[in-house]
Amino acid sequence: MANVIYRGPVSDQPQTITLPVAGAYLPGVLVIASATTLTVATGADNEGALHVLGNAEFLGQDVATAYASGDTGVAYEPKPNETYQVRLATATYAKGDLLTVGASGYLVAATTGDVVYARFEGTPGAISAGALADVKIANSFVAA
């Protein structure tokens, strides 16, 4: 099951949206939907709802293949307690670490005052930039 973005049961498939992507994005990054495109979230501009960019499995796209700019992207509308594989920034993570959105649509460790979007649920240890790891979506809150 390592080659899928949504990690929940097949019986509970989450809601998705489809819009053109505004760049060459890999599945597993966080994106924001406008009326016409999916744009990578950067942490500074997350005023819209965050989505997890999925892979177009029905077209044979795997999680290691980026969309080309302008391709129609599939993005999940995550809900609290759902588990996804999301791309992370370089760091060492422990189970339960609080995560916020950083650059390039990657999740990073949250610090005081950051909005927490997820908790780390993957294998604890060092993660390379852009690697996929399991995260559990949080009911967003500000880290104390």
C-alpha atoms as a PDB file:
ATOM      1  CA  MET A   1       0.000   0.000   0.000  1.00  0.00           C
ATOM      2  CA  ALA A   2       3.050   2.295  -0.108  1.00  0.00           C
ATOM      3  CA  ASN A   3       2.152   3.528  -3.586  1.00  0.00           C
ATOM      4  CA  VAL A   4      -1.059   5.334  -2.659  1.00  0.00           C
ATOM      5  CA  ILE A   5      -1.674   8.765  -1.149  1.00  0.00           C
ATOM      6  CA  TYR A   6      -4.927   8.089   0.724  1.00  0.00           C
ATOM      7  CA  ARG A   7      -4.179   5.459   3.390  1.00  0.00           C
ATOM      8  CA  GLY A   8      -7.675   4.788   4.705  1.00  0.00           C
ATOM      9  CA  PRO A   9     -10.031   1.922   3.989  1.00  0.00           C
ATOM     10  CA  VAL A  10     -11.380   1.518   0.456  1.00  0.00           C
ATOM     11  CA  SER A  11     -14.895   1.657   1.876  1.00  0.00           C
ATOM     12  CA  ASP A  12     -14.310   5.255   3.031  1.00  0.00           C
ATOM     13  CA  GLN A  13     -12.922   6.958  -0.069  1.00  0.00           C
ATOM     14  CA  PRO A  14     -12.589  10.713   0.619  1.00  0.00           C
ATOM     15  CA  GLN A  15     -14.029  13.497  -1.498  1.00  0.00           C
ATOM     16  CA  THR A  16     -11.785  14.707  -4.337  1.00  0.00           C
ATOM     17  CA  ILE A  17     -11.668  17.667  -6.668  1.00  0.00           C
ATOM     18  CA  THR A  18     -10.124  17.847 -10.132  1.00  0.00           C
ATOM     19  CA  LEU A  19      -8.564  21.021 -11.500  1.00  0.00           C
ATOM     20  CA  PRO A  20      -5.519  21.847 -13.628  1.00  0.00           C
ATOM     21  CA  VAL A  21      -2.269  22.068 -11.659  1.00  0.00           C
ATOM     22  CA  ALA A  22      -0.359  25.358 -11.844  1.00  0.00           C
ATOM     23  CA  GLY A  23       3.066  23.684 -11.937  1.00  0.00           C
ATOM     24  CA  ALA A  24       4.943  20.394 -12.127  1.00  0.00           C
ATOM     25  CA  TYR A  25       3.804  18.957  -8.794  1.00  0.00           C
ATOM     26  CA  LEU A  26       4.394  15.534  -7.269  1.00  0.00           C
ATOM     27  CA  PRO A  27       1.528  13.663  -5.647  1.00  0.00           C
ATOM     28  CA  GLY A  28       1.608  14.069  -1.868  1.00  0.00           C
ATOM     29  CA  VAL A  29       2.186  17.833  -1.755  1.00  0.00           C
ATOM     30  CA  LEU A  30      -0.365  20.136  -0.187  1.00  0.00           C
ATOM     31  CA  VAL A  31      -2.233  22.388  -2.592  1.00  0.00           C
ATOM     32  CA  ILE A  32      -4.814  25.149  -2.465  1.00  0.00           C
ATOM     33  CA  ALA A  33      -7.704  25.213  -4.924  1.00  0.00           C
ATOM     34  CA  SER A  34      -8.814  28.388  -6.635  1.00  0.00           C
ATOM     35  CA  ALA A  35     -11.770  28.501  -8.996  1.00  0.00           C
ATOM     36  CA  THR A  36      -9.519  27.405 -11.874  1.00  0.00           C
ATOM     37  CA  THR A  37      -6.305  25.749 -10.600  1.00  0.00           C
ATOM     38  CA  LEU A  38      -4.515  23.813  -7.900  1.00  0.00           C
ATOM     39  CA  THR A  39      -1.503  25.755  -6.606  1.00  0.00           C
ATOM     40  CA  VAL A  40       1.142  24.415  -4.244  1.00  0.00           C
ATOM     41  CA  ALA A  41       0.715  25.629  -0.651  1.00  0.00           C
ATOM     42  CA  THR A  42       3.712  27.477   0.783  1.00  0.00           C
ATOM     43  CA  GLY A  43       2.809  28.067   4.410  1.00  0.00           C
ATOM     44  CA  ALA A  44       2.469  31.812   3.923  1.00  0.00           C
ATOM     45  CA  ASP A  45      -0.612  31.756   1.711  1.00  0.00           C
ATOM     46  CA  ASN A  46      -2.824  29.110   3.247  1.00  0.00           C
ATOM     47  CA  GLU A  47      -6.019  31.106   3.464  1.00  0.00           C
ATOM     48  CA  GLY A  48      -7.978  28.533   1.465  1.00  0.00           C
ATOM     49  CA  ALA A  49      -8.717  24.961   2.350  1.00  0.00           C
ATOM     50  CA  LEU A  50      -5.719  22.677   2.035  1.00  0.00           C
ATOM     51  CA  HIS A  51      -5.925  19.621  -0.197  1.00  0.00           C
ATOM     52  CA  VAL A  52      -3.562  16.676  -0.621  1.00  0.00           C
ATOM     53  CA  LEU A  53      -2.574  16.179  -4.246  1.00  0.00           C
ATOM     54  CA  GLY A  54      -3.218  12.580  -5.212  1.00  0.00           C
ATOM     55  CA  ASN A  55      -2.033  10.564  -8.156  1.00  0.00           C
ATOM     56  CA  ALA A  56      -4.249   9.845 -11.145  1.00  0.00           C
ATOM     57  CA  GLU A  57      -4.307   6.081 -10.537  1.00  0.00           C
ATOM     58  CA  PHE A  58      -6.982   5.618 -13.205  1.00  0.00           C
ATOM     59  CA  LEU A  59      -4.456   6.919 -15.767  1.00  0.00           C
ATOM     60  CA  GLY A  60      -1.604   4.794 -14.457  1.00  0.00           C
ATOM     61  CA  GLN A  61       0.204   7.642 -12.673  1.00  0.00           C
ATOM     62  CA  ASP A  62       2.241   6.495  -9.679  1.00  0.00           C
ATOM     63  CA  VAL A  63       3.207   8.600  -6.641  1.00  0.00           C
ATOM     64  CA  ALA A  64       6.737   9.236  -7.992  1.00  0.00           C
ATOM     65  CA  THR A  65       5.523  10.806 -11.256  1.00  0.00           C
ATOM     66  CA  ALA A  66       4.887  14.544 -11.250  1.00  0.00           C
ATOM     67  CA  TYR A  67       1.989  16.161 -13.018  1.00  0.00           C
ATOM     68  CA  ALA A  68       2.997  18.455 -15.874  1.00  0.00           C
ATOM     69  CA  SER A  69       1.871  22.057 -15.497  1.00  0.00           C
ATOM     70  CA  GLY A  70      -1.666  22.297 -16.859  1.00  0.00           C
ATOM     71  CA  ASP A  71      -2.496  18.599 -16.357  1.00  0.00           C
ATOM     72  CA  THR A  72      -5.742  17.875 -14.564  1.00  0.00           C
ATOM     73  CA  GLY A  73      -4.822  17.058 -10.981  1.00  0.00           C
ATOM     74  CA  VAL A  74      -6.767  15.009  -8.470  1.00  0.00           C
ATOM     75  CA  ALA A  75      -6.746  16.435  -4.938  1.00  0.00           C
ATOM     76  CA  TYR A  76      -8.201  14.965  -1.770  1.00  0.00           C
ATOM     77  CA  GLU A  77     -10.261  17.049   0.654  1.00  0.00           C
ATOM     78  CA  PRO A  78      -8.803  15.656   3.899  1.00  0.00           C
ATOM     79  CA  LYS A  79     -10.807  15.396   7.094  1.00  0.00           C
ATOM     80  CA  PRO A  80      -9.518  15.087  10.670  1.00  0.00           C
ATOM     81  CA  ASN A  81      -8.257  11.613  11.599  1.00  0.00           C
ATOM     82  CA  GLU A  82      -7.789  10.489   7.978  1.00  0.00           C
ATOM     83  CA  THR A  83      -4.328   9.186   7.097  1.00  0.00           C
ATOM     84  CA  TYR A  84      -2.424  10.239   3.977  1.00  0.00           C
ATOM     85  CA  GLN A  85       1.084   9.910   2.609  1.00  0.00           C
ATOM     86  CA  VAL A  86       2.351  13.493   2.398  1.00  0.00           C
ATOM     87  CA  ARG A  87       5.717  14.906   1.382  1.00  0.00           C
ATOM     88  CA  LEU A  88       7.855  16.221   4.249  1.00  0.00           C
ATOM     89  CA  ALA A  89      10.759  18.621   4.626  1.00  0.00           C
ATOM     90  CA  THR A  90      14.170  17.319   5.703  1.00  0.00           C
ATOM     91  CA  ALA A  91      14.213  16.649   9.455  1.00  0.00           C
ATOM     92  CA  THR A  92      14.064  13.919  12.054  1.00  0.00           C
ATOM     93  CA  TYR A  93      10.493  13.136  13.040  1.00  0.00           C
ATOM     94  CA  ALA A  94       9.016  11.207  15.969  1.00  0.00           C
ATOM     95  CA  LYS A  95       5.599   9.589  16.079  1.00  0.00           C
ATOM     96  CA  GLY A  96       2.985  12.207  16.958  1.00  0.00           C
ATOM     97  CA  ASP A  97       5.096  15.248  16.000  1.00  0.00           C
ATOM     98  CA  LEU A  98       2.920  18.234  15.111  1.00  0.00           C
ATOM     99  CA  LEU A  99       3.204  19.359  11.478  1.00  0.00           C
ATOM    100  CA  THR A 100       2.461  22.569   9.608  1.00  0.00           C
ATOM    101  CA  VAL A 101       2.784  23.618   5.965  1.00  0.00           C
ATOM    102  CA  GLY A 102       6.197  24.801   4.822  1.00  0.00           C
ATOM    103  CA  ALA A 103       7.689  25.616   1.439  1.00  0.00           C
ATOM    104  CA  SER A 104       6.936  23.589  -1.690  1.00  0.00           C
ATOM    105  CA  GLY A 105       3.749  22.145  -0.189  1.00  0.00           C
ATOM    106  CA  TYR A 106       5.786  19.992   2.210  1.00  0.00           C
ATOM    107  CA  LEU A 107       4.856  19.513   5.840  1.00  0.00           C
ATOM    108  CA  VAL A 108       7.413  20.635   8.448  1.00  0.00           C
ATOM    109  CA  ALA A 109       7.619  20.402  12.236  1.00  0.00           C
ATOM    110  CA  ALA A 110       5.325  22.962  13.834  1.00  0.00           C
ATOM    111  CA  THR A 111       6.619  25.455  16.382  1.00  0.00           C
ATOM    112  CA  THR A 112       4.786  27.756  18.779  1.00  0.00           C
ATOM    113  CA  GLY A 113       2.233  29.877  16.912  1.00  0.00           C
ATOM    114  CA  ASP A 114       2.077  27.661  13.802  1.00  0.00           C
ATOM    115  CA  VAL A 115      -1.208  26.219  12.586  1.00  0.00           C
ATOM    116  CA  VAL A 116      -1.026  22.447  13.012  1.00  0.00           C
ATOM    117  CA  TYR A 117      -2.540  20.522  10.097  1.00  0.00           C
ATOM    118  CA  ALA A 118      -1.352  16.978  10.831  1.00  0.00           C
ATOM    119  CA  ARG A 119       0.584  14.645  13.129  1.00  0.00           C
ATOM    120  CA  PHE A 120       3.469  12.444  12.012  1.00  0.00           C
ATOM    121  CA  GLU A 121       2.453   8.755  11.888  1.00  0.00           C
ATOM    122  CA  GLY A 122       5.287   7.316   9.777  1.00  0.00           C
ATOM    123  CA  THR A 123       8.392   5.432  10.769  1.00  0.00           C
ATOM    124  CA  PRO A 124      10.327   7.646  13.230  1.00  0.00           C
ATOM    125  CA  GLY A 125      13.714   8.900  12.099  1.00  0.00           C
ATOM    126  CA  ALA A 126      15.408  11.082   9.518  1.00  0.00           C
ATOM    127  CA  ILE A 127      13.346  12.042   6.463  1.00  0.00           C
ATOM    128  CA  SER A 128      14.827  13.414   3.240  1.00  0.00           C
ATOM    129  CA  ALA A 129      13.254  16.440   1.555  1.00  0.00           C
ATOM    130  CA  GLY A 130      10.209  15.441  -0.440  1.00  0.00           C
ATOM    131  CA  ALA A 131       9.973  11.905   0.932  1.00  0.00           C
ATOM    132  CA  LEU A 132       6.488  10.521   1.517  1.00  0.00           C
ATOM    133  CA  ALA A 133       5.440   9.563   5.034  1.00  0.00           C
ATOM    134  CA  ASP A 134       2.158   8.781   6.754  1.00  0.00           C
ATOM    135  CA  VAL A 135       0.453  11.635   8.565  1.00  0.00           C
ATOM    136  CA  LYS A 136      -2.875  11.842  10.357  1.00  0.00           C
ATOM    137  CA  ILE A 137      -4.874  14.967   9.554  1.00  0.00           C
ATOM    138  CA  ALA A 138      -5.537  17.109  12.621  1.00  0.00           C
ATOM    139  CA  ASN A 139      -8.518  19.242  13.490  1.00  0.00           C
ATOM    140  CA  SER A 140      -6.360  22.351  12.846  1.00  0.00           C
ATOM    141  CA  PHE A 141      -5.192  24.318  15.868  1.00  0.00           C
ATOM    142  CA  VAL A 142      -2.420  26.734  16.810  1.00  0.00           C
ATOM    143  CA  ALA A 143       0.609  25.115  18.449  1.00  0.00           C
ATOM    144  CA  ALA A 144       1.244  26.364  21.975  1.00  0.00           C
END
